[in-house]
Protein backbone atom coordinates (compact mmCIF):
# COMPACT_ATOMS: atom_id res chain seq x y z
CA UNK A 1 0.00 0.00 0.00
CA UNK A 2 1.28 3.44 -0.84
CA UNK A 3 0.30 6.90 0.18
CA UNK A 4 -0.43 10.20 -1.43
CA UNK A 5 0.02 13.34 0.71
CA UNK A 6 -3.01 15.60 0.72
CA UNK A 7 -3.95 18.81 2.46
CA UNK A 8 -7.56 19.07 3.54
CA UNK A 9 -9.08 22.10 1.82
CA UNK A 10 -12.55 23.56 1.79
CA UNK A 11 -13.80 26.97 0.81
CA UNK A 12 -11.25 28.44 3.24
CA UNK A 13 -7.63 27.43 3.58
CA UNK A 14 -7.41 24.84 6.32
CA UNK A 15 -4.63 24.19 8.78
CA UNK A 16 -5.57 20.53 9.15
CA UNK A 17 -3.08 18.30 7.39
CA UNK A 18 -2.92 14.57 7.05
CA UNK A 19 -1.98 11.67 4.87
CA UNK A 20 -4.26 9.97 2.38
CA UNK A 21 -3.45 6.37 1.55
CA UNK A 22 -4.62 4.88 -1.75
CA UNK A 23 -4.58 1.07 -1.86
CA UNK A 24 -3.12 -0.73 -4.87
CA UNK A 25 -6.50 -2.41 -5.44
CA UNK A 26 -8.18 1.01 -5.75
CA UNK A 27 -5.73 2.12 -8.45
CA UNK A 28 -6.19 -1.25 -10.21
CA UNK A 29 -9.98 -0.90 -10.16
CA UNK A 30 -9.90 2.64 -11.53
CA UNK A 31 -7.45 1.62 -14.28
CA UNK A 32 -9.50 -1.46 -15.19
CA UNK A 33 -12.74 0.47 -15.48
CA UNK A 34 -11.09 3.23 -17.55
CA UNK A 35 -9.48 0.66 -19.87
CA UNK A 36 -12.80 -1.15 -20.44
CA UNK A 37 -14.41 2.15 -21.45
CA UNK A 38 -12.04 2.40 -24.43
CA UNK A 39 -13.38 1.44 -27.83
CA UNK A 40 -12.13 -1.91 -29.14
CA UNK A 41 -11.51 -3.56 -25.76
CA UNK A 42 -13.41 -6.83 -25.56
CA UNK A 43 -12.12 -8.07 -22.19
CA UNK A 44 -9.36 -7.69 -19.64
CA UNK A 45 -6.91 -10.39 -18.62
CA UNK A 46 -5.81 -13.63 -20.22
CA UNK A 47 -7.86 -16.80 -20.58
CA UNK A 48 -6.97 -18.19 -17.17
CA UNK A 49 -7.59 -14.84 -15.46
CA UNK A 50 -11.00 -14.51 -17.13
CA UNK A 51 -11.96 -18.09 -16.25
CA UNK A 52 -10.94 -17.71 -12.60
CA UNK A 53 -12.70 -14.34 -12.48
CA UNK A 54 -15.90 -15.88 -13.79
CA UNK A 55 -15.75 -18.56 -11.09
CA UNK A 56 -14.98 -15.97 -8.37
CA UNK A 57 -17.78 -13.76 -9.68
CA UNK A 58 -20.33 -16.46 -8.87
CA UNK A 59 -19.26 -16.50 -5.23
CA UNK A 60 -21.24 -14.16 -2.95
CA UNK A 61 -19.42 -10.99 -1.94
CA UNK A 62 -16.50 -11.33 -4.33
CA UNK A 63 -16.50 -8.95 -7.26
CA UNK A 64 -12.94 -8.14 -8.30
CA UNK A 65 -13.73 -7.92 -12.01
CA UNK A 66 -12.77 -4.24 -12.18
CA UNK A 67 -9.12 -5.07 -11.44
CA UNK A 68 -8.92 -8.21 -13.59
CA UNK A 69 -6.02 -8.02 -16.03
CA UNK A 70 -4.48 -5.07 -14.18
CA UNK A 71 -1.27 -4.95 -12.17
CA UNK A 72 -0.09 -1.78 -10.48
CA UNK A 73 2.90 -0.54 -8.60
CA UNK A 74 2.00 2.37 -6.35
CA UNK A 75 4.49 4.67 -4.67
CA UNK A 76 3.93 7.76 -2.54
CA UNK A 77 3.43 10.09 -5.50
CA UNK A 78 3.57 7.92 -8.62
CA UNK A 79 2.12 4.75 -10.06
CA UNK A 80 2.93 2.41 -12.95
CA UNK A 81 0.20 0.30 -14.51
CA UNK A 82 0.32 -2.91 -16.56
CA UNK A 83 -2.79 -4.01 -18.46
CA UNK A 84 -3.58 -7.27 -20.23
CA UNK A 85 -6.34 -6.85 -22.80
CA UNK A 86 -8.31 -8.75 -25.42
CA UNK A 87 -9.22 -6.63 -28.45
CA UNK A 88 -12.06 -7.00 -30.92
CA UNK A 89 -10.98 -8.32 -34.32
CA UNK A 90 -10.49 -5.45 -36.78
CA UNK A 91 -9.59 -2.94 -34.08
CA UNK A 92 -6.51 -0.82 -34.84
CA UNK A 93 -4.39 -1.94 -31.88
CA UNK A 94 -2.01 1.03 -31.77
CA UNK A 95 -4.94 3.51 -31.75
CA UNK A 96 -6.75 1.49 -29.09
CA UNK A 97 -3.61 1.34 -26.94
CA UNK A 98 -3.21 5.13 -27.20
CA UNK A 99 -6.83 5.64 -26.19
CA UNK A 100 -6.45 3.25 -23.25
CA UNK A 101 -3.28 5.01 -22.04
CA UNK A 102 -5.02 8.37 -22.18
CA UNK A 103 -8.21 7.17 -20.43
CA UNK A 104 -6.34 5.29 -17.71
CA UNK A 105 -3.85 8.08 -17.00
CA UNK A 106 -6.57 10.71 -16.85
CA UNK A 107 -8.85 8.66 -14.58
CA UNK A 108 -6.13 7.55 -12.15
CA UNK A 109 -4.51 10.99 -11.91
CA UNK A 110 -7.80 12.87 -11.43
CA UNK A 111 -9.21 10.42 -8.87
CA UNK A 112 -6.09 9.68 -6.82
CA UNK A 113 -3.72 12.59 -7.40
CA UNK A 114 -0.96 10.10 -8.24
CA UNK A 115 1.27 10.78 -11.24
CA UNK A 116 0.97 7.93 -13.76
CA UNK A 117 4.52 7.35 -15.02
CA UNK A 118 3.68 4.54 -17.44
CA UNK A 119 0.82 2.44 -18.75
CA UNK A 120 2.08 -0.78 -20.34
CA UNK A 121 -0.40 -2.70 -22.47
CA UNK A 122 -0.13 -6.35 -23.40
CA UNK A 123 -2.54 -7.54 -26.09
CA UNK A 124 -3.23 -11.11 -25.02
CA UNK A 125 -5.82 -12.17 -27.58
CA UNK A 126 -8.15 -11.10 -30.37
CA UNK A 127 -11.86 -11.75 -30.03
CA UNK A 128 -13.65 -12.76 -33.23
CA UNK A 129 -17.38 -11.95 -32.98
CA UNK A 130 -19.51 -15.07 -33.27
CA UNK A 131 -16.64 -17.44 -32.48
CA UNK A 132 -17.99 -18.08 -28.97
CA UNK A 133 -21.42 -19.17 -30.20
CA UNK A 134 -20.46 -21.37 -33.16
CA UNK A 135 -20.21 -24.60 -31.16
CA UNK A 136 -23.69 -24.08 -29.64
CA UNK A 137 -25.39 -24.41 -33.02
CA UNK A 138 -23.65 -27.67 -33.95
CA UNK A 139 -25.44 -30.90 -33.24
CA UNK A 140 -23.72 -33.57 -31.23
CA UNK A 141 -22.58 -36.77 -32.97
CA UNK A 142 -23.52 -38.71 -29.86
CA UNK A 143 -27.08 -39.05 -28.56
C-alpha atoms as a PDB file:
ATOM      1  CA  UNK A   1       0.000   0.000   0.000  1.00  0.00           C
ATOM      2  CA  UNK A   2       1.284   3.443  -0.838  1.00  0.00           C
ATOM      3  CA  UNK A   3       0.301   6.896   0.184  1.00  0.00           C
ATOM      4  CA  UNK A   4      -0.428  10.204  -1.428  1.00  0.00           C
ATOM      5  CA  UNK A   5       0.018  13.338   0.708  1.00  0.00           C
ATOM      6  CA  UNK A   6      -3.006  15.598   0.723  1.00  0.00           C
ATOM      7  CA  UNK A   7      -3.950  18.807   2.461  1.00  0.00           C
ATOM      8  CA  UNK A   8      -7.557  19.069   3.544  1.00  0.00           C
ATOM      9  CA  UNK A   9      -9.082  22.105   1.823  1.00  0.00           C
ATOM     10  CA  UNK A  10     -12.552  23.557   1.794  1.00  0.00           C
ATOM     11  CA  UNK A  11     -13.800  26.974   0.810  1.00  0.00           C
ATOM     12  CA  UNK A  12     -11.248  28.435   3.242  1.00  0.00           C
ATOM     13  CA  UNK A  13      -7.629  27.427   3.576  1.00  0.00           C
ATOM     14  CA  UNK A  14      -7.415  24.839   6.317  1.00  0.00           C
ATOM     15  CA  UNK A  15      -4.631  24.190   8.784  1.00  0.00           C
ATOM     16  CA  UNK A  16      -5.575  20.525   9.151  1.00  0.00           C
ATOM     17  CA  UNK A  17      -3.081  18.299   7.389  1.00  0.00           C
ATOM     18  CA  UNK A  18      -2.916  14.570   7.052  1.00  0.00           C
ATOM     19  CA  UNK A  19      -1.977  11.673   4.872  1.00  0.00           C
ATOM     20  CA  UNK A  20      -4.264   9.965   2.378  1.00  0.00           C
ATOM     21  CA  UNK A  21      -3.455   6.368   1.554  1.00  0.00           C
ATOM     22  CA  UNK A  22      -4.617   4.885  -1.749  1.00  0.00           C
ATOM     23  CA  UNK A  23      -4.578   1.072  -1.863  1.00  0.00           C
ATOM     24  CA  UNK A  24      -3.125  -0.730  -4.874  1.00  0.00           C
ATOM     25  CA  UNK A  25      -6.502  -2.409  -5.440  1.00  0.00           C
ATOM     26  CA  UNK A  26      -8.184   1.010  -5.751  1.00  0.00           C
ATOM     27  CA  UNK A  27      -5.734   2.119  -8.448  1.00  0.00           C
ATOM     28  CA  UNK A  28      -6.186  -1.248 -10.210  1.00  0.00           C
ATOM     29  CA  UNK A  29      -9.980  -0.905 -10.156  1.00  0.00           C
ATOM     30  CA  UNK A  30      -9.897   2.642 -11.530  1.00  0.00           C
ATOM     31  CA  UNK A  31      -7.445   1.621 -14.276  1.00  0.00           C
ATOM     32  CA  UNK A  32      -9.496  -1.458 -15.186  1.00  0.00           C
ATOM     33  CA  UNK A  33     -12.742   0.469 -15.483  1.00  0.00           C
ATOM     34  CA  UNK A  34     -11.094   3.226 -17.545  1.00  0.00           C
ATOM     35  CA  UNK A  35      -9.483   0.657 -19.872  1.00  0.00           C
ATOM     36  CA  UNK A  36     -12.800  -1.145 -20.441  1.00  0.00           C
ATOM     37  CA  UNK A  37     -14.410   2.154 -21.451  1.00  0.00           C
ATOM     38  CA  UNK A  38     -12.038   2.400 -24.430  1.00  0.00           C
ATOM     39  CA  UNK A  39     -13.384   1.436 -27.829  1.00  0.00           C
ATOM     40  CA  UNK A  40     -12.131  -1.911 -29.142  1.00  0.00           C
ATOM     41  CA  UNK A  41     -11.505  -3.556 -25.756  1.00  0.00           C
ATOM     42  CA  UNK A  42     -13.413  -6.834 -25.563  1.00  0.00           C
ATOM     43  CA  UNK A  43     -12.119  -8.072 -22.186  1.00  0.00           C
ATOM     44  CA  UNK A  44      -9.363  -7.691 -19.640  1.00  0.00           C
ATOM     45  CA  UNK A  45      -6.912 -10.393 -18.615  1.00  0.00           C
ATOM     46  CA  UNK A  46      -5.811 -13.628 -20.223  1.00  0.00           C
ATOM     47  CA  UNK A  47      -7.857 -16.803 -20.582  1.00  0.00           C
ATOM     48  CA  UNK A  48      -6.967 -18.192 -17.167  1.00  0.00           C
ATOM     49  CA  UNK A  49      -7.588 -14.841 -15.464  1.00  0.00           C
ATOM     50  CA  UNK A  50     -11.002 -14.512 -17.130  1.00  0.00           C
ATOM     51  CA  UNK A  51     -11.959 -18.087 -16.249  1.00  0.00           C
ATOM     52  CA  UNK A  52     -10.944 -17.714 -12.602  1.00  0.00           C
ATOM     53  CA  UNK A  53     -12.695 -14.341 -12.476  1.00  0.00           C
ATOM     54  CA  UNK A  54     -15.904 -15.881 -13.785  1.00  0.00           C
ATOM     55  CA  UNK A  55     -15.753 -18.560 -11.088  1.00  0.00           C
ATOM     56  CA  UNK A  56     -14.981 -15.973  -8.370  1.00  0.00           C
ATOM     57  CA  UNK A  57     -17.779 -13.758  -9.678  1.00  0.00           C
ATOM     58  CA  UNK A  58     -20.332 -16.456  -8.874  1.00  0.00           C
ATOM     59  CA  UNK A  59     -19.257 -16.505  -5.225  1.00  0.00           C
ATOM     60  CA  UNK A  60     -21.241 -14.156  -2.950  1.00  0.00           C
ATOM     61  CA  UNK A  61     -19.423 -10.986  -1.936  1.00  0.00           C
ATOM     62  CA  UNK A  62     -16.502 -11.333  -4.331  1.00  0.00           C
ATOM     63  CA  UNK A  63     -16.498  -8.948  -7.257  1.00  0.00           C
ATOM     64  CA  UNK A  64     -12.938  -8.138  -8.298  1.00  0.00           C
ATOM     65  CA  UNK A  65     -13.727  -7.925 -12.010  1.00  0.00           C
ATOM     66  CA  UNK A  66     -12.769  -4.238 -12.183  1.00  0.00           C
ATOM     67  CA  UNK A  67      -9.120  -5.066 -11.436  1.00  0.00           C
ATOM     68  CA  UNK A  68      -8.921  -8.207 -13.592  1.00  0.00           C
ATOM     69  CA  UNK A  69      -6.019  -8.024 -16.033  1.00  0.00           C
ATOM     70  CA  UNK A  70      -4.475  -5.075 -14.176  1.00  0.00           C
ATOM     71  CA  UNK A  71      -1.265  -4.949 -12.173  1.00  0.00           C
ATOM     72  CA  UNK A  72      -0.093  -1.777 -10.480  1.00  0.00           C
ATOM     73  CA  UNK A  73       2.904  -0.535  -8.597  1.00  0.00           C
ATOM     74  CA  UNK A  74       2.001   2.372  -6.346  1.00  0.00           C
ATOM     75  CA  UNK A  75       4.487   4.672  -4.675  1.00  0.00           C
ATOM     76  CA  UNK A  76       3.926   7.759  -2.539  1.00  0.00           C
ATOM     77  CA  UNK A  77       3.431  10.095  -5.501  1.00  0.00           C
ATOM     78  CA  UNK A  78       3.570   7.919  -8.618  1.00  0.00           C
ATOM     79  CA  UNK A  79       2.117   4.747 -10.059  1.00  0.00           C
ATOM     80  CA  UNK A  80       2.933   2.410 -12.950  1.00  0.00           C
ATOM     81  CA  UNK A  81       0.196   0.305 -14.511  1.00  0.00           C
ATOM     82  CA  UNK A  82       0.319  -2.915 -16.559  1.00  0.00           C
ATOM     83  CA  UNK A  83      -2.793  -4.007 -18.460  1.00  0.00           C
ATOM     84  CA  UNK A  84      -3.575  -7.271 -20.232  1.00  0.00           C
ATOM     85  CA  UNK A  85      -6.344  -6.845 -22.804  1.00  0.00           C
ATOM     86  CA  UNK A  86      -8.309  -8.750 -25.421  1.00  0.00           C
ATOM     87  CA  UNK A  87      -9.217  -6.632 -28.449  1.00  0.00           C
ATOM     88  CA  UNK A  88     -12.061  -6.995 -30.918  1.00  0.00           C
ATOM     89  CA  UNK A  89     -10.984  -8.317 -34.322  1.00  0.00           C
ATOM     90  CA  UNK A  90     -10.493  -5.448 -36.776  1.00  0.00           C
ATOM     91  CA  UNK A  91      -9.592  -2.937 -34.076  1.00  0.00           C
ATOM     92  CA  UNK A  92      -6.506  -0.818 -34.842  1.00  0.00           C
ATOM     93  CA  UNK A  93      -4.394  -1.942 -31.881  1.00  0.00           C
ATOM     94  CA  UNK A  94      -2.015   1.035 -31.766  1.00  0.00           C
ATOM     95  CA  UNK A  95      -4.937   3.509 -31.747  1.00  0.00           C
ATOM     96  CA  UNK A  96      -6.751   1.489 -29.092  1.00  0.00           C
ATOM     97  CA  UNK A  97      -3.605   1.343 -26.939  1.00  0.00           C
ATOM     98  CA  UNK A  98      -3.212   5.126 -27.196  1.00  0.00           C
ATOM     99  CA  UNK A  99      -6.827   5.641 -26.189  1.00  0.00           C
ATOM    100  CA  UNK A 100      -6.450   3.249 -23.249  1.00  0.00           C
ATOM    101  CA  UNK A 101      -3.281   5.007 -22.040  1.00  0.00           C
ATOM    102  CA  UNK A 102      -5.021   8.371 -22.182  1.00  0.00           C
ATOM    103  CA  UNK A 103      -8.210   7.171 -20.432  1.00  0.00           C
ATOM    104  CA  UNK A 104      -6.336   5.286 -17.706  1.00  0.00           C
ATOM    105  CA  UNK A 105      -3.847   8.085 -17.001  1.00  0.00           C
ATOM    106  CA  UNK A 106      -6.573  10.714 -16.852  1.00  0.00           C
ATOM    107  CA  UNK A 107      -8.852   8.655 -14.580  1.00  0.00           C
ATOM    108  CA  UNK A 108      -6.133   7.554 -12.148  1.00  0.00           C
ATOM    109  CA  UNK A 109      -4.512  10.985 -11.910  1.00  0.00           C
ATOM    110  CA  UNK A 110      -7.800  12.865 -11.432  1.00  0.00           C
ATOM    111  CA  UNK A 111      -9.213  10.423  -8.867  1.00  0.00           C
ATOM    112  CA  UNK A 112      -6.090   9.676  -6.819  1.00  0.00           C
ATOM    113  CA  UNK A 113      -3.719  12.594  -7.401  1.00  0.00           C
ATOM    114  CA  UNK A 114      -0.961  10.102  -8.241  1.00  0.00           C
ATOM    115  CA  UNK A 115       1.275  10.784 -11.238  1.00  0.00           C
ATOM    116  CA  UNK A 116       0.967   7.928 -13.761  1.00  0.00           C
ATOM    117  CA  UNK A 117       4.522   7.353 -15.019  1.00  0.00           C
ATOM    118  CA  UNK A 118       3.684   4.540 -17.444  1.00  0.00           C
ATOM    119  CA  UNK A 119       0.816   2.438 -18.749  1.00  0.00           C
ATOM    120  CA  UNK A 120       2.078  -0.781 -20.341  1.00  0.00           C
ATOM    121  CA  UNK A 121      -0.400  -2.699 -22.471  1.00  0.00           C
ATOM    122  CA  UNK A 122      -0.132  -6.355 -23.396  1.00  0.00           C
ATOM    123  CA  UNK A 123      -2.538  -7.535 -26.092  1.00  0.00           C
ATOM    124  CA  UNK A 124      -3.233 -11.112 -25.024  1.00  0.00           C
ATOM    125  CA  UNK A 125      -5.819 -12.168 -27.580  1.00  0.00           C
ATOM    126  CA  UNK A 126      -8.146 -11.096 -30.373  1.00  0.00           C
ATOM    127  CA  UNK A 127     -11.863 -11.752 -30.030  1.00  0.00           C
ATOM    128  CA  UNK A 128     -13.646 -12.760 -33.230  1.00  0.00           C
ATOM    129  CA  UNK A 129     -17.378 -11.945 -32.975  1.00  0.00           C
ATOM    130  CA  UNK A 130     -19.510 -15.066 -33.270  1.00  0.00           C
ATOM    131  CA  UNK A 131     -16.638 -17.437 -32.481  1.00  0.00           C
ATOM    132  CA  UNK A 132     -17.993 -18.078 -28.966  1.00  0.00           C
ATOM    133  CA  UNK A 133     -21.417 -19.173 -30.198  1.00  0.00           C
ATOM    134  CA  UNK A 134     -20.459 -21.367 -33.164  1.00  0.00           C
ATOM    135  CA  UNK A 135     -20.211 -24.603 -31.160  1.00  0.00           C
ATOM    136  CA  UNK A 136     -23.689 -24.075 -29.639  1.00  0.00           C
ATOM    137  CA  UNK A 137     -25.387 -24.413 -33.016  1.00  0.00           C
ATOM    138  CA  UNK A 138     -23.647 -27.670 -33.954  1.00  0.00           C
ATOM    139  CA  UNK A 139     -25.443 -30.903 -33.239  1.00  0.00           C
ATOM    140  CA  UNK A 140     -23.724 -33.568 -31.230  1.00  0.00           C
ATOM    141  CA  UNK A 141     -22.578 -36.770 -32.968  1.00  0.00           C
ATOM    142  CA  UNK A 142     -23.518 -38.712 -29.860  1.00  0.00           C
ATOM    143  CA  UNK A 143     -27.079 -39.055 -28.559  1.00  0.00           C
END
